[in-house]
Amino acid sequence: MTATADPQQLSYIAAQAADARVNIELETEGMTLNIGPQHPATHGTLRVIVRLDGERVVAAEPVMGYMHRGYEKLAEVRTYPQVTTLVNRIDWLGSFANEVPFILAAERLMEVEAPPRAKWIRTALFELSRIANVVLFLGDMGVQLGAVTPVFFAFRDREFVLNQIEAVTGGRFHPNFDRIGGLKDDLPKGWIEETRGVLGRIRTFCDEMEDLVVGNEIFQARTRGIGVIPADVGLSYGLSGANIRASGVDWDLRRDSDMGLAHGELDWKVWTHPDGDSFARYWVRLQEVREACTIVEQCLDGIPSGPVMAKVPRIIKVPAGEAYAETENPLGVMGYYIVSKGDLVPYRVKIRSASFNNVSITPWVLEGTYVPDVISILASLYFILGDIDR
């Protein structure tokens, strides 16, 4: 027996099908969302304009320039020793590391080389700056995803690193300690042993982050497979530092280039990760903090005796010429191109900062993601806006 369909039911089904056809034909208007301008944690003032289709990002555009810092022009009216005061503040979380490539470029112009003791102390302070910088990232990444506890651990232990930087340089956040031809002063008494104790504390902090963050299933769900950057794409955008090493690219200027520091005389490892996602970027930085502790420890064991300053004129007048120097800074490759006309001040200074390239990839990496993932991806790329608005 064949069942006879209810005419009323058929009418209802036909009406639903007609509505569905209308809905398919109608174009829905996308939504434009302004994320910022705001000051996300310690990164500086950023604005990201995203166009959405539902909760999916169709397009994203980072907008910088809210900080108006102008360091490259300010350097043209500062003497060479005064410029270190400026560049301290570009990436304010790793300020001593900012001084090093500028000083190295100026030394090349003057054909001056720092004494071995100064070179090794520079390396130790350079890596302590890396630790102070990245430790805060390791805690702050948790805050971006709703976990408050890790950042308190980070602020707690970073203070001990800053204590050691301040003990040598006299400056906690802005040391202004590096000099053309060496360093401002020698190490204070007892500093080496105190630093060993701090390195032990940082290693414990890394273990805590391994448990609290890396091993957390919510953190893994929010970062694994999210914001994947293939190696070829990362290289085409000029990514450097942990961001490109997290995409499997085994490249680090400390090992692969003569930066003018002591890294080439030490035994340490470059860490990479094949996945290229937000989790990989966090994991690589965690390993790099541990490796930086190893580097500093070897520096403490091997610091040679001798002076910390070469013989340079009291009034620095850099010969005419051009020089470029770059180093593997906490955020990635940082370089200074200096043009001198033989005056007391640089004629031109051009800064190649890591954050500019690290932010430039955001339109590519955010496209097709969902709104909640935007924050985790931006946090994992780790940029400082002062490193861009220079």
Protein backbone atom coordinates (compact mmCIF):
# COMPACT_ATOMS: atom_id res chain seq x y z
CA MET A 1 0.00 0.00 0.00
CA THR A 2 1.33 3.41 -0.94
CA ALA A 3 1.04 6.09 1.75
CA THR A 4 -0.62 9.30 0.63
CA ALA A 5 1.27 12.48 1.66
CA ASP A 6 -0.59 15.07 3.67
CA PRO A 7 -1.17 18.14 1.40
CA GLN A 8 -0.57 20.46 4.34
CA GLN A 9 2.78 18.80 5.04
CA LEU A 10 3.79 19.07 1.38
CA SER A 11 2.89 22.75 1.40
CA TYR A 12 5.05 23.30 4.49
CA ILE A 13 8.04 21.49 2.94
CA ALA A 14 7.70 23.50 -0.28
CA ALA A 15 7.65 26.77 1.70
CA GLN A 16 10.81 25.78 3.60
CA ALA A 17 12.59 24.89 0.37
CA ALA A 18 11.61 28.25 -1.12
CA ASP A 19 12.97 30.07 1.94
CA ALA A 20 16.22 28.12 1.69
CA ARG A 21 16.62 29.12 -1.96
CA VAL A 22 16.10 32.76 -1.06
CA ASN A 23 18.64 32.57 1.77
CA ILE A 24 21.23 31.04 -0.55
CA GLU A 25 20.70 33.72 -3.15
CA LEU A 26 20.93 36.62 -0.68
CA GLU A 27 24.43 37.92 0.04
CA THR A 28 25.17 38.50 3.71
CA GLU A 29 27.21 41.56 4.55
CA GLY A 30 30.51 40.95 6.35
CA MET A 31 31.47 42.68 9.59
CA THR A 32 34.52 44.87 10.17
CA LEU A 33 35.96 44.60 13.66
CA ASN A 34 38.59 46.88 15.18
CA ILE A 35 40.83 45.05 17.61
CA GLY A 36 42.36 48.08 19.28
CA PRO A 37 44.01 50.49 19.21
CA GLN A 38 44.96 49.04 22.54
CA HIS A 39 47.98 48.16 24.63
CA PRO A 40 47.94 44.35 24.74
CA ALA A 41 49.94 43.39 27.82
CA THR A 42 53.55 44.57 27.39
CA HIS A 43 53.65 44.78 23.60
CA GLY A 44 52.77 48.41 22.89
CA THR A 45 49.84 50.09 21.16
CA LEU A 46 48.48 48.01 18.27
CA ARG A 47 45.37 48.04 16.12
CA VAL A 48 44.25 45.20 13.87
CA ILE A 49 41.35 45.74 11.45
CA VAL A 50 39.70 42.41 10.68
CA ARG A 51 36.86 41.68 8.25
CA LEU A 52 34.69 38.80 9.38
CA ASP A 53 32.31 36.34 7.81
CA GLY A 54 30.55 35.12 10.91
CA GLU A 55 33.42 34.30 13.25
CA ARG A 56 35.89 33.55 10.48
CA VAL A 57 38.51 36.15 9.54
CA VAL A 58 38.31 37.04 5.85
CA ALA A 59 41.06 39.68 5.94
CA ALA A 60 43.26 41.33 8.58
CA GLU A 61 45.32 44.49 8.46
CA PRO A 62 47.72 45.52 11.25
CA VAL A 63 47.91 49.27 11.84
CA MET A 64 51.05 50.61 13.48
CA GLY A 65 52.36 54.11 14.07
CA TYR A 66 50.58 55.05 17.27
CA MET A 67 53.78 55.50 19.25
CA HIS A 68 55.59 58.05 16.98
CA ARG A 69 59.06 57.38 18.34
CA GLY A 70 61.34 58.56 15.53
CA TYR A 71 64.59 57.05 16.81
CA GLU A 72 66.23 56.93 13.41
CA LYS A 73 65.92 60.71 13.04
CA LEU A 74 66.78 61.42 16.67
CA ALA A 75 70.05 59.52 16.19
CA GLU A 76 71.13 62.16 13.65
CA VAL A 77 71.33 64.81 16.38
CA ARG A 78 72.95 62.65 19.08
CA THR A 79 76.61 61.77 19.54
CA TYR A 80 77.49 58.10 19.17
CA PRO A 81 77.66 57.46 22.96
CA GLN A 82 74.27 59.17 23.35
CA VAL A 83 72.59 56.95 20.76
CA THR A 84 72.74 53.93 23.09
CA THR A 85 70.34 55.77 25.41
CA LEU A 86 67.85 55.93 22.54
CA VAL A 87 68.15 52.39 21.21
CA ASN A 88 67.73 50.98 24.72
CA ARG A 89 64.08 51.84 24.39
CA ILE A 90 63.29 50.26 21.03
CA ASP A 91 62.62 46.79 22.46
CA TRP A 92 62.33 47.85 26.07
CA LEU A 93 62.21 44.29 27.39
CA GLY A 94 65.67 43.39 26.06
CA SER A 95 67.32 46.80 26.11
CA PHE A 96 71.01 45.86 26.47
CA ALA A 97 70.72 43.60 23.43
CA ASN A 98 69.60 46.66 21.40
CA GLU A 99 72.87 48.45 22.17
CA VAL A 100 75.13 45.69 20.91
CA PRO A 101 74.55 45.78 17.11
CA PHE A 102 74.76 49.59 17.05
CA ILE A 103 78.07 49.55 18.93
CA LEU A 104 79.41 46.77 16.69
CA ALA A 105 78.58 48.80 13.56
CA ALA A 106 80.28 51.90 15.00
CA GLU A 107 83.35 49.82 15.98
CA ARG A 108 83.63 48.56 12.39
CA LEU A 109 83.62 52.13 11.13
CA MET A 110 86.35 53.07 13.63
CA GLU A 111 88.25 49.80 13.09
CA VAL A 112 88.22 49.23 16.84
CA GLU A 113 87.76 45.89 18.58
CA ALA A 114 86.68 45.44 22.18
CA PRO A 115 89.09 43.50 24.47
CA PRO A 116 88.34 39.80 25.05
CA ARG A 117 87.03 40.41 28.58
CA ALA A 118 84.56 43.02 27.33
CA LYS A 119 83.48 40.66 24.55
CA TRP A 120 82.65 37.87 26.99
CA ILE A 121 80.85 40.16 29.44
CA ARG A 122 78.86 41.59 26.52
CA THR A 123 77.82 38.07 25.61
CA ALA A 124 76.69 37.29 29.16
CA LEU A 125 74.65 40.51 29.40
CA PHE A 126 73.28 39.96 25.89
CA GLU A 127 71.92 36.55 26.91
CA LEU A 128 70.65 37.83 30.26
CA SER A 129 68.66 40.40 28.28
CA ARG A 130 67.25 37.53 26.20
CA ILE A 131 66.23 35.69 29.36
CA ALA A 132 64.57 38.77 30.88
CA ASN A 133 62.71 39.36 27.64
CA VAL A 134 61.51 35.86 26.80
CA VAL A 135 60.65 34.88 30.38
CA LEU A 136 57.96 37.55 30.31
CA PHE A 137 56.63 36.18 27.01
CA LEU A 138 56.39 32.68 28.48
CA GLY A 139 54.18 33.97 31.28
CA ASP A 140 52.25 36.51 29.22
CA MET A 141 51.22 33.98 26.56
CA GLY A 142 49.18 32.27 29.26
CA VAL A 143 47.36 35.51 30.09
CA GLN A 144 46.35 35.95 26.44
CA LEU A 145 44.55 32.59 26.69
CA GLY A 146 43.01 33.17 30.11
CA ALA A 147 45.63 31.65 32.45
CA VAL A 148 46.73 34.30 34.95
CA THR A 149 49.10 32.31 37.17
CA PRO A 150 52.07 31.92 34.76
CA VAL A 151 52.61 35.66 34.36
CA PHE A 152 52.98 36.09 38.12
CA PHE A 153 55.70 33.43 38.04
CA ALA A 154 57.35 35.30 35.15
CA PHE A 155 57.36 38.69 36.87
CA ARG A 156 58.63 37.06 40.06
CA ASP A 157 61.68 35.43 38.50
CA ARG A 158 62.46 38.09 35.90
CA GLU A 159 63.16 40.48 38.78
CA PHE A 160 66.19 38.43 39.76
CA VAL A 161 67.58 38.67 36.23
CA LEU A 162 67.03 42.43 36.21
CA ASN A 163 68.80 42.63 39.57
CA GLN A 164 71.93 41.16 37.96
CA ILE A 165 71.75 43.50 34.96
CA GLU A 166 71.32 46.47 37.30
CA ALA A 167 74.20 45.34 39.51
CA VAL A 168 76.59 45.62 36.53
CA THR A 169 75.15 48.50 34.53
CA GLY A 170 73.36 50.64 37.11
CA GLY A 171 70.24 50.58 34.92
CA ARG A 172 67.44 48.14 35.48
CA PHE A 173 65.50 48.60 32.26
CA HIS A 174 67.75 50.89 30.21
CA PRO A 175 71.40 50.05 30.97
CA ASN A 176 73.20 52.43 28.55
CA PHE A 177 76.31 50.37 29.35
CA ASP A 178 77.87 49.34 26.03
CA ARG A 179 80.60 51.59 24.65
CA ILE A 180 82.54 51.86 21.39
CA GLY A 181 85.65 49.84 22.23
CA GLY A 182 84.25 47.98 25.24
CA LEU A 183 82.13 48.54 28.30
CA LYS A 184 81.51 51.35 30.76
CA ASP A 185 82.72 49.38 33.83
CA ASP A 186 83.96 45.98 34.95
CA LEU A 187 81.91 43.41 36.86
CA PRO A 188 81.23 44.10 40.55
CA LYS A 189 82.57 41.76 43.21
CA GLY A 190 80.45 38.65 43.82
CA TRP A 191 78.37 39.13 40.68
CA ILE A 192 79.41 35.88 39.00
CA GLU A 193 78.31 33.68 41.90
CA GLU A 194 75.04 35.56 42.35
CA THR A 195 74.30 35.13 38.67
CA ARG A 196 74.82 31.37 38.91
CA GLY A 197 72.09 31.25 41.57
CA VAL A 198 69.73 33.27 39.38
CA LEU A 199 70.29 30.90 36.44
CA GLY A 200 69.22 28.01 38.65
CA ARG A 201 66.04 29.88 39.51
CA ILE A 202 65.30 30.51 35.81
CA ARG A 203 65.74 26.83 35.00
CA THR A 204 63.20 26.02 37.71
CA PHE A 205 60.85 28.59 36.17
CA CYS A 206 61.16 26.85 32.79
CA ASP A 207 60.23 23.55 34.41
CA GLU A 208 57.19 25.23 35.96
CA MET A 209 56.11 26.58 32.57
CA GLU A 210 56.51 23.09 31.13
CA ASP A 211 53.97 21.84 33.67
CA LEU A 212 51.63 24.83 33.91
CA VAL A 213 51.45 25.84 30.26
CA VAL A 214 53.00 23.37 27.80
CA GLY A 215 51.42 20.36 29.48
CA ASN A 216 48.01 22.04 29.84
CA GLU A 217 45.42 20.41 27.57
CA ILE A 218 43.49 23.69 27.14
CA PHE A 219 46.68 25.49 26.05
CA GLN A 220 47.45 22.72 23.60
CA ALA A 221 43.91 22.79 22.17
CA ARG A 222 44.20 26.56 21.65
CA THR A 223 47.67 26.49 20.04
CA ARG A 224 48.34 23.18 18.26
CA GLY A 225 47.56 23.45 14.56
CA ILE A 226 46.64 27.13 15.02
CA GLY A 227 48.44 29.85 13.07
CA VAL A 228 50.62 27.46 11.06
CA ILE A 229 53.38 29.23 9.10
CA PRO A 230 55.20 27.02 6.55
CA ALA A 231 58.96 27.57 6.34
CA ASP A 232 58.88 28.97 2.79
CA VAL A 233 56.15 31.48 3.67
CA GLY A 234 57.96 32.57 6.83
CA LEU A 235 61.17 33.13 4.91
CA SER A 236 59.40 35.08 2.18
CA TYR A 237 58.08 37.49 4.83
CA GLY A 238 61.49 37.83 6.45
CA LEU A 239 60.61 36.17 9.75
CA SER A 240 63.55 35.57 12.04
CA GLY A 241 64.33 34.38 15.53
CA ALA A 242 62.13 31.80 17.22
CA ASN A 243 59.29 32.49 14.77
CA ILE A 244 61.20 31.03 11.83
CA ARG A 245 62.96 28.33 13.86
CA ALA A 246 59.50 27.14 15.02
CA SER A 247 58.78 26.47 11.33
CA GLY A 248 61.74 24.11 11.12
CA VAL A 249 64.36 26.53 9.76
CA ASP A 250 67.68 25.87 11.49
CA TRP A 251 69.11 29.39 11.37
CA ASP A 252 70.59 31.49 14.16
CA LEU A 253 73.04 34.36 13.65
CA ARG A 254 74.76 33.55 16.94
CA ARG A 255 75.98 30.32 15.36
CA ASP A 256 75.84 31.06 11.62
CA SER A 257 77.47 34.49 11.52
CA ASP A 258 80.34 36.29 13.21
CA MET A 259 78.38 38.75 15.35
CA GLY A 260 81.46 39.90 17.23
CA LEU A 261 80.46 38.19 20.47
CA ALA A 262 81.70 35.01 22.16
CA HIS A 263 78.98 32.60 21.00
CA GLY A 264 81.30 30.92 18.52
CA GLU A 265 83.61 29.87 21.36
CA LEU A 266 80.84 28.24 23.40
CA ASP A 267 79.00 24.92 23.27
CA TRP A 268 75.24 25.37 22.86
CA LYS A 269 72.33 24.24 20.68
CA VAL A 270 69.90 25.91 18.25
CA TRP A 271 66.35 24.63 18.83
CA THR A 272 63.79 24.15 16.05
CA HIS A 273 60.29 22.67 15.77
CA PRO A 274 58.70 21.26 12.59
CA ASP A 275 55.06 22.24 13.17
CA GLY A 276 55.19 26.03 12.65
CA ASP A 277 52.10 26.66 14.81
CA SER A 278 51.48 28.78 17.90
CA PHE A 279 52.46 25.90 20.16
CA ALA A 280 55.78 25.45 18.35
CA ARG A 281 56.66 29.13 18.72
CA TYR A 282 56.05 28.92 22.47
CA TRP A 283 58.00 25.67 22.82
CA VAL A 284 61.04 26.95 20.91
CA ARG A 285 61.25 30.06 23.08
CA LEU A 286 61.01 27.95 26.22
CA GLN A 287 64.00 25.88 25.06
CA GLU A 288 65.91 29.04 24.10
CA VAL A 289 65.63 30.39 27.64
CA ARG A 290 67.16 27.17 28.93
CA GLU A 291 69.88 27.40 26.28
CA ALA A 292 70.56 31.05 27.17
CA CYS A 293 71.18 29.93 30.77
CA THR A 294 73.75 27.46 29.43
CA ILE A 295 75.46 30.20 27.40
CA VAL A 296 75.63 32.61 30.34
CA GLU A 297 76.99 29.85 32.58
CA GLN A 298 79.81 29.13 30.12
CA CYS A 299 80.55 32.86 29.90
CA LEU A 300 80.86 33.03 33.67
CA ASP A 301 83.30 30.11 33.60
CA GLY A 302 85.40 31.52 30.77
CA ILE A 303 85.57 35.31 31.23
CA PRO A 304 89.24 36.19 30.65
CA SER A 305 91.13 38.74 32.67
CA GLY A 306 92.22 42.08 31.29
CA PRO A 307 90.76 45.49 30.50
CA VAL A 308 87.15 46.12 29.47
CA MET A 309 87.95 49.10 27.21
CA ALA A 310 90.17 49.48 24.19
CA LYS A 311 92.09 52.70 23.61
CA VAL A 312 89.65 55.08 21.95
CA PRO A 313 89.54 58.89 21.90
CA ARG A 314 87.65 60.52 24.73
CA ILE A 315 85.55 62.39 22.16
CA ILE A 316 84.25 59.89 19.60
CA LYS A 317 84.49 61.08 16.01
CA VAL A 318 83.67 58.22 13.67
CA PRO A 319 85.47 58.27 10.27
CA ALA A 320 83.42 58.76 7.12
CA GLY A 321 81.97 55.57 5.72
CA GLU A 322 79.16 53.07 5.98
CA ALA A 323 78.76 49.95 8.11
CA TYR A 324 76.08 47.41 8.92
CA ALA A 325 75.98 45.01 11.87
CA GLU A 326 73.25 42.61 12.93
CA THR A 327 72.74 40.29 15.88
CA GLU A 328 70.32 37.56 16.93
CA ASN A 329 68.28 39.58 19.42
CA PRO A 330 65.51 38.20 21.65
CA LEU A 331 62.82 38.99 19.05
CA GLY A 332 64.92 37.97 16.03
CA VAL A 333 67.46 39.63 13.76
CA MET A 334 68.21 43.26 14.62
CA GLY A 335 70.57 45.32 12.48
CA TYR A 336 71.91 48.86 12.28
CA TYR A 337 73.09 50.52 9.10
CA ILE A 338 75.17 53.59 9.96
CA VAL A 339 76.31 56.25 7.51
CA SER A 340 79.02 58.60 8.82
CA LYS A 341 80.42 61.78 7.31
CA GLY A 342 83.22 61.97 9.84
CA ASP A 343 81.27 64.02 12.40
CA LEU A 344 80.46 63.59 16.08
CA VAL A 345 76.97 62.40 15.14
CA PRO A 346 75.79 59.82 12.58
CA TYR A 347 74.64 61.19 9.24
CA ARG A 348 72.02 58.46 8.89
CA VAL A 349 70.95 55.46 10.98
CA LYS A 350 68.63 52.79 9.59
CA ILE A 351 67.34 50.11 11.96
CA ARG A 352 66.26 46.64 10.82
CA SER A 353 64.08 45.40 13.66
CA ALA A 354 62.68 41.90 14.03
CA SER A 355 59.15 42.90 15.02
CA PHE A 356 58.38 44.67 11.73
CA ASN A 357 58.71 41.43 9.77
CA ASN A 358 57.08 39.39 12.50
CA VAL A 359 53.99 41.63 12.31
CA SER A 360 54.01 41.87 8.50
CA ILE A 361 52.90 38.24 8.19
CA THR A 362 49.69 38.79 10.20
CA PRO A 363 47.43 39.39 7.14
CA TRP A 364 48.55 36.04 5.72
CA VAL A 365 48.46 33.98 8.91
CA LEU A 366 45.17 35.39 10.27
CA GLU A 367 43.18 34.86 7.07
CA GLY A 368 40.74 31.98 7.49
CA THR A 369 41.18 31.72 11.26
CA TYR A 370 38.50 32.29 13.89
CA VAL A 371 38.23 35.34 16.15
CA PRO A 372 39.32 33.57 19.38
CA ASP A 373 42.47 32.34 17.61
CA VAL A 374 43.50 35.85 16.53
CA ILE A 375 44.74 36.69 20.02
CA SER A 376 46.67 33.45 20.49
CA ILE A 377 48.36 33.81 17.09
CA LEU A 378 49.34 37.45 17.67
CA ALA A 379 50.69 36.54 21.11
CA SER A 380 52.73 33.65 19.73
CA LEU A 381 54.39 35.87 17.10
CA TYR A 382 55.70 38.02 19.98
CA PHE A 383 56.44 41.53 18.85
CA ILE A 384 57.12 44.81 20.62
CA LEU A 385 55.55 47.84 18.95
CA GLY A 386 58.43 50.09 19.96
CA ASP A 387 60.54 47.78 17.81
CA ILE A 388 58.36 48.85 14.85
CA ASP A 389 57.44 52.50 15.50
CA ARG A 390 61.03 53.68 15.58
